Amino acid sequence: MTRIPEAHQAQPSDIEAVLRTLFLQGLDGDAVAYRAFLQKLSRHLRAFLGKRLFGWPDDVEDLVQECLLAMHNQRHTYHSDQPLTAWVHAIARYKMIDLLRSKSGREALHLPLDDASDLFADNDASAGEARRDVQTLLGTLPERQRLAIVHTKLEGLSVAETASLTGMSESAVKVNVHRGLKALARSLKEKA
């Protein structure tokens, strides 16, 4: 029968001992211990990655799942004479670096949000006409894009405030603003 260590307020050395014991029992074929290891490791990884990727909760959860899968697939590479958390953290850091690289590559393709101010610039039209034109253009956008632009660009709310107000994640707000502004620019070019 598997002895699963108490789930008390664990210190870092206790976490190492608990995880290592469960992991080694799991490697020896104890499915209950391995399941307990994965559950405890998930909580540990959420805390570890959450501190480093603050503000990206969706990415943290995805990364936790990727790390668990990588650790399961690479479990044969663990040396039992080494600390388990060092092995776990190394894999988590590599996965986090991969995520950041892929994000930086995608972000380089995006225009900064501040570069869109020329879409709303006042040319010789009166303020009322301009407001009507902007409302008409915004009305052509999907609701999520329209709300993200209205709150961030017209009302001046931060991305975090807009995310809280609309129920979107911060990254979803940024993506919707970017896509909406691209659609508006395309629409303006077609009319010109």
C-alpha atoms as a PDB file:
ATOM      1  CA  MET A   1       0.000   0.000   0.000  1.00  0.00           C
ATOM      2  CA  THR A   2       1.287   3.442  -0.898  1.00  0.00           C
ATOM      3  CA  ARG A   3       1.966   5.896   1.857  1.00  0.00           C
ATOM      4  CA  ILE A   4       1.174   9.386   0.566  1.00  0.00           C
ATOM      5  CA  PRO A   5       2.880  12.067   2.659  1.00  0.00           C
ATOM      6  CA  GLU A   6       0.720  14.572   4.551  1.00  0.00           C
ATOM      7  CA  ALA A   7      -0.409  17.657   2.611  1.00  0.00           C
ATOM      8  CA  HIS A   8       0.690  20.154   5.261  1.00  0.00           C
ATOM      9  CA  GLN A   9       2.244  23.600   4.796  1.00  0.00           C
ATOM     10  CA  ALA A  10       5.393  22.267   3.190  1.00  0.00           C
ATOM     11  CA  GLN A  11       8.729  23.990   3.221  1.00  0.00           C
ATOM     12  CA  PRO A  12      10.899  23.772   0.065  1.00  0.00           C
ATOM     13  CA  SER A  13      12.863  20.807   1.481  1.00  0.00           C
ATOM     14  CA  ASP A  14       9.556  19.098   2.419  1.00  0.00           C
ATOM     15  CA  ILE A  15       8.239  19.618  -1.119  1.00  0.00           C
ATOM     16  CA  GLU A  16      11.398  18.013  -2.480  1.00  0.00           C
ATOM     17  CA  ALA A  17      11.011  15.036  -0.158  1.00  0.00           C
ATOM     18  CA  VAL A  18       7.297  14.551  -0.842  1.00  0.00           C
ATOM     19  CA  LEU A  19       7.617  14.888  -4.618  1.00  0.00           C
ATOM     20  CA  ARG A  20      10.731  12.722  -4.786  1.00  0.00           C
ATOM     21  CA  THR A  21       9.176   9.942  -2.686  1.00  0.00           C
ATOM     22  CA  LEU A  22       5.996   9.871  -4.766  1.00  0.00           C
ATOM     23  CA  PHE A  23       7.920  10.076  -8.045  1.00  0.00           C
ATOM     24  CA  LEU A  24      10.251   7.200  -7.173  1.00  0.00           C
ATOM     25  CA  GLN A  25       7.300   5.083  -6.014  1.00  0.00           C
ATOM     26  CA  GLY A  26       5.583   5.923  -9.300  1.00  0.00           C
ATOM     27  CA  LEU A  27       8.661   4.887 -11.261  1.00  0.00           C
ATOM     28  CA  ASP A  28       8.519   1.563  -9.409  1.00  0.00           C
ATOM     29  CA  GLY A  29       5.009   1.015 -10.779  1.00  0.00           C
ATOM     30  CA  ASP A  30       2.829   2.481  -8.027  1.00  0.00           C
ATOM     31  CA  ALA A  31       0.030   4.184 -10.019  1.00  0.00           C
ATOM     32  CA  VAL A  32      -1.588   5.787  -6.946  1.00  0.00           C
ATOM     33  CA  ALA A  33       1.705   7.390  -5.922  1.00  0.00           C
ATOM     34  CA  TYR A  34       2.345   8.575  -9.491  1.00  0.00           C
ATOM     35  CA  ARG A  35      -1.126  10.172  -9.680  1.00  0.00           C
ATOM     36  CA  ALA A  36      -0.504  11.900  -6.325  1.00  0.00           C
ATOM     37  CA  PHE A  37       2.904  13.037  -7.621  1.00  0.00           C
ATOM     38  CA  LEU A  38       1.318  14.603 -10.728  1.00  0.00           C
ATOM     39  CA  GLN A  39      -1.316  16.407  -8.644  1.00  0.00           C
ATOM     40  CA  LYS A  40       1.217  17.830  -6.196  1.00  0.00           C
ATOM     41  CA  LEU A  41       3.625  18.659  -8.997  1.00  0.00           C
ATOM     42  CA  SER A  42       0.859  20.528 -10.852  1.00  0.00           C
ATOM     43  CA  ARG A  43       0.298  22.792  -7.840  1.00  0.00           C
ATOM     44  CA  HIS A  44       4.048  23.290  -7.438  1.00  0.00           C
ATOM     45  CA  LEU A  45       4.501  24.161 -11.131  1.00  0.00           C
ATOM     46  CA  ARG A  46       1.553  26.599 -11.121  1.00  0.00           C
ATOM     47  CA  ALA A  47       3.206  28.499  -8.276  1.00  0.00           C
ATOM     48  CA  PHE A  48       6.674  28.311  -9.850  1.00  0.00           C
ATOM     49  CA  LEU A  49       5.520  29.456 -13.305  1.00  0.00           C
ATOM     50  CA  GLY A  50       2.879  31.862 -11.995  1.00  0.00           C
ATOM     51  CA  LYS A  51       5.559  33.941 -10.277  1.00  0.00           C
ATOM     52  CA  ARG A  52       7.537  34.162 -13.502  1.00  0.00           C
ATOM     53  CA  LEU A  53       4.635  34.671 -15.935  1.00  0.00           C
ATOM     54  CA  PHE A  54       2.492  36.967 -13.817  1.00  0.00           C
ATOM     55  CA  GLY A  55      -0.412  38.346 -15.824  1.00  0.00           C
ATOM     56  CA  TRP A  56      -0.534  35.409 -18.243  1.00  0.00           C
ATOM     57  CA  PRO A  57      -2.739  32.909 -16.367  1.00  0.00           C
ATOM     58  CA  ASP A  58      -3.869  31.118 -19.541  1.00  0.00           C
ATOM     59  CA  ASP A  59      -0.264  30.602 -20.592  1.00  0.00           C
ATOM     60  CA  VAL A  60       0.681  29.372 -17.109  1.00  0.00           C
ATOM     61  CA  GLU A  61      -1.966  26.659 -17.221  1.00  0.00           C
ATOM     62  CA  ASP A  62      -0.966  25.598 -20.746  1.00  0.00           C
ATOM     63  CA  LEU A  63       2.679  25.541 -19.698  1.00  0.00           C
ATOM     64  CA  VAL A  64       1.928  23.428 -16.613  1.00  0.00           C
ATOM     65  CA  GLN A  65       0.308  20.836 -18.867  1.00  0.00           C
ATOM     66  CA  GLU A  66       3.237  20.917 -21.308  1.00  0.00           C
ATOM     67  CA  CYS A  67       5.690  20.498 -18.430  1.00  0.00           C
ATOM     68  CA  LEU A  68       3.785  17.546 -16.986  1.00  0.00           C
ATOM     69  CA  LEU A  69       3.759  15.854 -20.371  1.00  0.00           C
ATOM     70  CA  ALA A  70       7.481  16.535 -20.914  1.00  0.00           C
ATOM     71  CA  MET A  71       8.342  15.243 -17.441  1.00  0.00           C
ATOM     72  CA  HIS A  72       6.280  12.122 -17.988  1.00  0.00           C
ATOM     73  CA  ASN A  73       7.950  11.500 -21.357  1.00  0.00           C
ATOM     74  CA  GLN A  74      11.436  12.227 -19.966  1.00  0.00           C
ATOM     75  CA  ARG A  75      11.040  10.488 -16.598  1.00  0.00           C
ATOM     76  CA  HIS A  76      13.728   7.978 -17.590  1.00  0.00           C
ATOM     77  CA  THR A  77      16.289  10.838 -17.668  1.00  0.00           C
ATOM     78  CA  TYR A  78      15.936  11.589 -13.951  1.00  0.00           C
ATOM     79  CA  HIS A  79      18.916  10.474 -11.846  1.00  0.00           C
ATOM     80  CA  SER A  80      17.661   9.383  -8.431  1.00  0.00           C
ATOM     81  CA  ASP A  81      20.802  10.681  -6.704  1.00  0.00           C
ATOM     82  CA  GLN A  82      19.932  14.258  -7.797  1.00  0.00           C
ATOM     83  CA  PRO A  83      17.274  16.614  -6.367  1.00  0.00           C
ATOM     84  CA  LEU A  84      13.979  16.097  -8.191  1.00  0.00           C
ATOM     85  CA  THR A  85      12.947  19.764  -8.018  1.00  0.00           C
ATOM     86  CA  ALA A  86      16.137  20.812  -9.817  1.00  0.00           C
ATOM     87  CA  TRP A  87      15.228  18.436 -12.671  1.00  0.00           C
ATOM     88  CA  VAL A  88      11.602  19.655 -12.642  1.00  0.00           C
ATOM     89  CA  HIS A  89      12.607  23.337 -12.622  1.00  0.00           C
ATOM     90  CA  ALA A  90      15.088  22.818 -15.459  1.00  0.00           C
ATOM     91  CA  ILE A  91      12.379  21.315 -17.665  1.00  0.00           C
ATOM     92  CA  ALA A  92       9.921  24.055 -16.650  1.00  0.00           C
ATOM     93  CA  ARG A  93      12.478  26.771 -17.489  1.00  0.00           C
ATOM     94  CA  TYR A  94      13.116  25.283 -20.939  1.00  0.00           C
ATOM     95  CA  LYS A  95       9.376  25.154 -21.626  1.00  0.00           C
ATOM     96  CA  MET A  96       8.983  28.729 -20.368  1.00  0.00           C
ATOM     97  CA  ILE A  97      11.828  29.927 -22.614  1.00  0.00           C
ATOM     98  CA  ASP A  98      10.189  28.197 -25.593  1.00  0.00           C
ATOM     99  CA  LEU A  99       6.912  29.973 -24.786  1.00  0.00           C
ATOM    100  CA  LEU A 100       8.601  33.365 -24.459  1.00  0.00           C
ATOM    101  CA  ARG A 101      10.470  32.862 -27.738  1.00  0.00           C
ATOM    102  CA  SER A 102       7.292  31.972 -29.583  1.00  0.00           C
ATOM    103  CA  LYS A 103       5.474  34.942 -28.019  1.00  0.00           C
ATOM    104  CA  SER A 104       8.264  37.358 -28.927  1.00  0.00           C
ATOM    105  CA  GLY A 105       8.190  36.126 -32.515  1.00  0.00           C
ATOM    106  CA  ARG A 106       4.435  36.645 -32.715  1.00  0.00           C
ATOM    107  CA  GLU A 107       4.566  39.976 -30.891  1.00  0.00           C
ATOM    108  CA  ALA A 108       7.152  41.287 -33.355  1.00  0.00           C
ATOM    109  CA  LEU A 109       4.509  40.927 -36.059  1.00  0.00           C
ATOM    110  CA  HIS A 110       2.039  43.082 -34.140  1.00  0.00           C
ATOM    111  CA  LEU A 111       1.906  46.841 -34.261  1.00  0.00           C
ATOM    112  CA  PRO A 112       2.179  48.486 -30.863  1.00  0.00           C
ATOM    113  CA  LEU A 113      -1.227  49.651 -29.657  1.00  0.00           C
ATOM    114  CA  ASP A 114      -0.053  53.263 -29.564  1.00  0.00           C
ATOM    115  CA  ASP A 115       0.627  53.279 -33.323  1.00  0.00           C
ATOM    116  CA  ALA A 116      -3.094  53.157 -34.097  1.00  0.00           C
ATOM    117  CA  SER A 117      -3.844  56.734 -33.072  1.00  0.00           C
ATOM    118  CA  ASP A 118      -3.768  57.868 -36.711  1.00  0.00           C
ATOM    119  CA  LEU A 119      -6.964  55.853 -37.310  1.00  0.00           C
ATOM    120  CA  PHE A 120      -8.817  58.249 -35.050  1.00  0.00           C
ATOM    121  CA  ALA A 121      -7.061  61.465 -36.033  1.00  0.00           C
ATOM    122  CA  ASP A 122      -9.271  64.468 -36.675  1.00  0.00           C
ATOM    123  CA  ASN A 123      -9.050  65.680 -40.226  1.00  0.00           C
ATOM    124  CA  ASP A 124     -11.085  68.678 -41.315  1.00  0.00           C
ATOM    125  CA  ALA A 125     -14.409  67.067 -40.358  1.00  0.00           C
ATOM    126  CA  SER A 126     -16.286  68.338 -37.341  1.00  0.00           C
ATOM    127  CA  ALA A 127     -16.033  66.413 -34.089  1.00  0.00           C
ATOM    128  CA  GLY A 128     -19.626  65.178 -34.418  1.00  0.00           C
ATOM    129  CA  GLU A 129     -19.088  63.842 -37.928  1.00  0.00           C
ATOM    130  CA  ALA A 130     -15.842  62.203 -36.924  1.00  0.00           C
ATOM    131  CA  ARG A 131     -17.518  60.566 -33.911  1.00  0.00           C
ATOM    132  CA  ARG A 132     -20.314  59.262 -36.136  1.00  0.00           C
ATOM    133  CA  ASP A 133     -17.802  57.927 -38.667  1.00  0.00           C
ATOM    134  CA  VAL A 134     -15.820  56.162 -35.953  1.00  0.00           C
ATOM    135  CA  GLN A 135     -18.999  54.648 -34.488  1.00  0.00           C
ATOM    136  CA  THR A 136     -20.025  53.457 -37.962  1.00  0.00           C
ATOM    137  CA  LEU A 137     -16.613  51.887 -38.557  1.00  0.00           C
ATOM    138  CA  LEU A 138     -16.564  50.291 -35.105  1.00  0.00           C
ATOM    139  CA  GLY A 139     -20.036  48.900 -35.765  1.00  0.00           C
ATOM    140  CA  THR A 140     -18.588  46.747 -38.542  1.00  0.00           C
ATOM    141  CA  LEU A 141     -16.288  44.924 -36.125  1.00  0.00           C
ATOM    142  CA  PRO A 142     -17.082  41.811 -34.089  1.00  0.00           C
ATOM    143  CA  GLU A 143     -18.178  42.738 -30.563  1.00  0.00           C
ATOM    144  CA  ARG A 144     -14.982  41.575 -28.799  1.00  0.00           C
ATOM    145  CA  GLN A 145     -12.781  43.654 -31.129  1.00  0.00           C
ATOM    146  CA  ARG A 146     -15.103  46.655 -30.890  1.00  0.00           C
ATOM    147  CA  LEU A 147     -15.221  46.547 -27.074  1.00  0.00           C
ATOM    148  CA  ALA A 148     -11.460  46.152 -26.778  1.00  0.00           C
ATOM    149  CA  ILE A 149     -10.848  49.193 -29.010  1.00  0.00           C
ATOM    150  CA  VAL A 150     -13.542  51.352 -27.399  1.00  0.00           C
ATOM    151  CA  HIS A 151     -12.286  50.686 -23.869  1.00  0.00           C
ATOM    152  CA  THR A 152      -8.534  50.956 -24.545  1.00  0.00           C
ATOM    153  CA  LYS A 153      -8.355  53.546 -27.318  1.00  0.00           C
ATOM    154  CA  LEU A 154     -11.410  55.734 -26.875  1.00  0.00           C
ATOM    155  CA  GLU A 155     -12.025  55.530 -23.139  1.00  0.00           C
ATOM    156  CA  GLY A 156      -8.334  55.261 -22.221  1.00  0.00           C
ATOM    157  CA  LEU A 157      -8.637  52.214 -19.973  1.00  0.00           C
ATOM    158  CA  SER A 158      -5.601  50.007 -19.465  1.00  0.00           C
ATOM    159  CA  VAL A 159      -5.449  46.524 -20.952  1.00  0.00           C
ATOM    160  CA  ALA A 160      -5.872  45.062 -17.441  1.00  0.00           C
ATOM    161  CA  GLU A 161      -8.930  47.235 -16.741  1.00  0.00           C
ATOM    162  CA  THR A 162     -10.445  46.297 -20.096  1.00  0.00           C
ATOM    163  CA  ALA A 163      -9.809  42.609 -19.446  1.00  0.00           C
ATOM    164  CA  SER A 164     -11.520  42.856 -16.074  1.00  0.00           C
ATOM    165  CA  LEU A 165     -14.461  44.779 -17.512  1.00  0.00           C
ATOM    166  CA  THR A 166     -15.047  42.510 -20.518  1.00  0.00           C
ATOM    167  CA  GLY A 167     -14.111  39.146 -19.005  1.00  0.00           C
ATOM    168  CA  MET A 168     -11.373  38.615 -21.603  1.00  0.00           C
ATOM    169  CA  SER A 169      -7.798  37.766 -20.704  1.00  0.00           C
ATOM    170  CA  GLU A 170      -5.257  40.567 -21.115  1.00  0.00           C
ATOM    171  CA  SER A 171      -3.704  38.810 -24.083  1.00  0.00           C
ATOM    172  CA  ALA A 172      -7.161  38.442 -25.670  1.00  0.00           C
ATOM    173  CA  VAL A 173      -7.733  42.183 -25.241  1.00  0.00           C
ATOM    174  CA  LYS A 174      -4.433  42.956 -26.975  1.00  0.00           C
ATOM    175  CA  VAL A 175      -5.140  40.510 -29.784  1.00  0.00           C
ATOM    176  CA  ASN A 176      -8.668  41.880 -30.295  1.00  0.00           C
ATOM    177  CA  VAL A 177      -7.417  45.480 -30.368  1.00  0.00           C
ATOM    178  CA  HIS A 178      -4.724  44.551 -32.865  1.00  0.00           C
ATOM    179  CA  ARG A 179      -7.080  42.589 -35.115  1.00  0.00           C
ATOM    180  CA  GLY A 180      -9.774  45.251 -34.879  1.00  0.00           C
ATOM    181  CA  LEU A 181      -7.362  48.038 -35.781  1.00  0.00           C
ATOM    182  CA  LYS A 182      -6.068  46.019 -38.726  1.00  0.00           C
ATOM    183  CA  ALA A 183      -9.636  45.480 -39.924  1.00  0.00           C
ATOM    184  CA  LEU A 184     -10.400  49.196 -39.544  1.00  0.00           C
ATOM    185  CA  ALA A 185      -7.244  50.158 -41.451  1.00  0.00           C
ATOM    186  CA  ARG A 186      -8.166  47.719 -44.213  1.00  0.00           C
ATOM    187  CA  SER A 187     -11.665  49.157 -44.333  1.00  0.00           C
ATOM    188  CA  LEU A 188     -10.338  52.711 -44.535  1.00  0.00           C
ATOM    189  CA  LYS A 189      -7.952  51.783 -47.353  1.00  0.00           C
ATOM    190  CA  GLU A 190     -10.796  50.198 -49.316  1.00  0.00           C
ATOM    191  CA  LYS A 191     -12.833  53.389 -49.003  1.00  0.00           C
ATOM    192  CA  ALA A 192      -9.931  55.631 -50.045  1.00  0.00           C
END
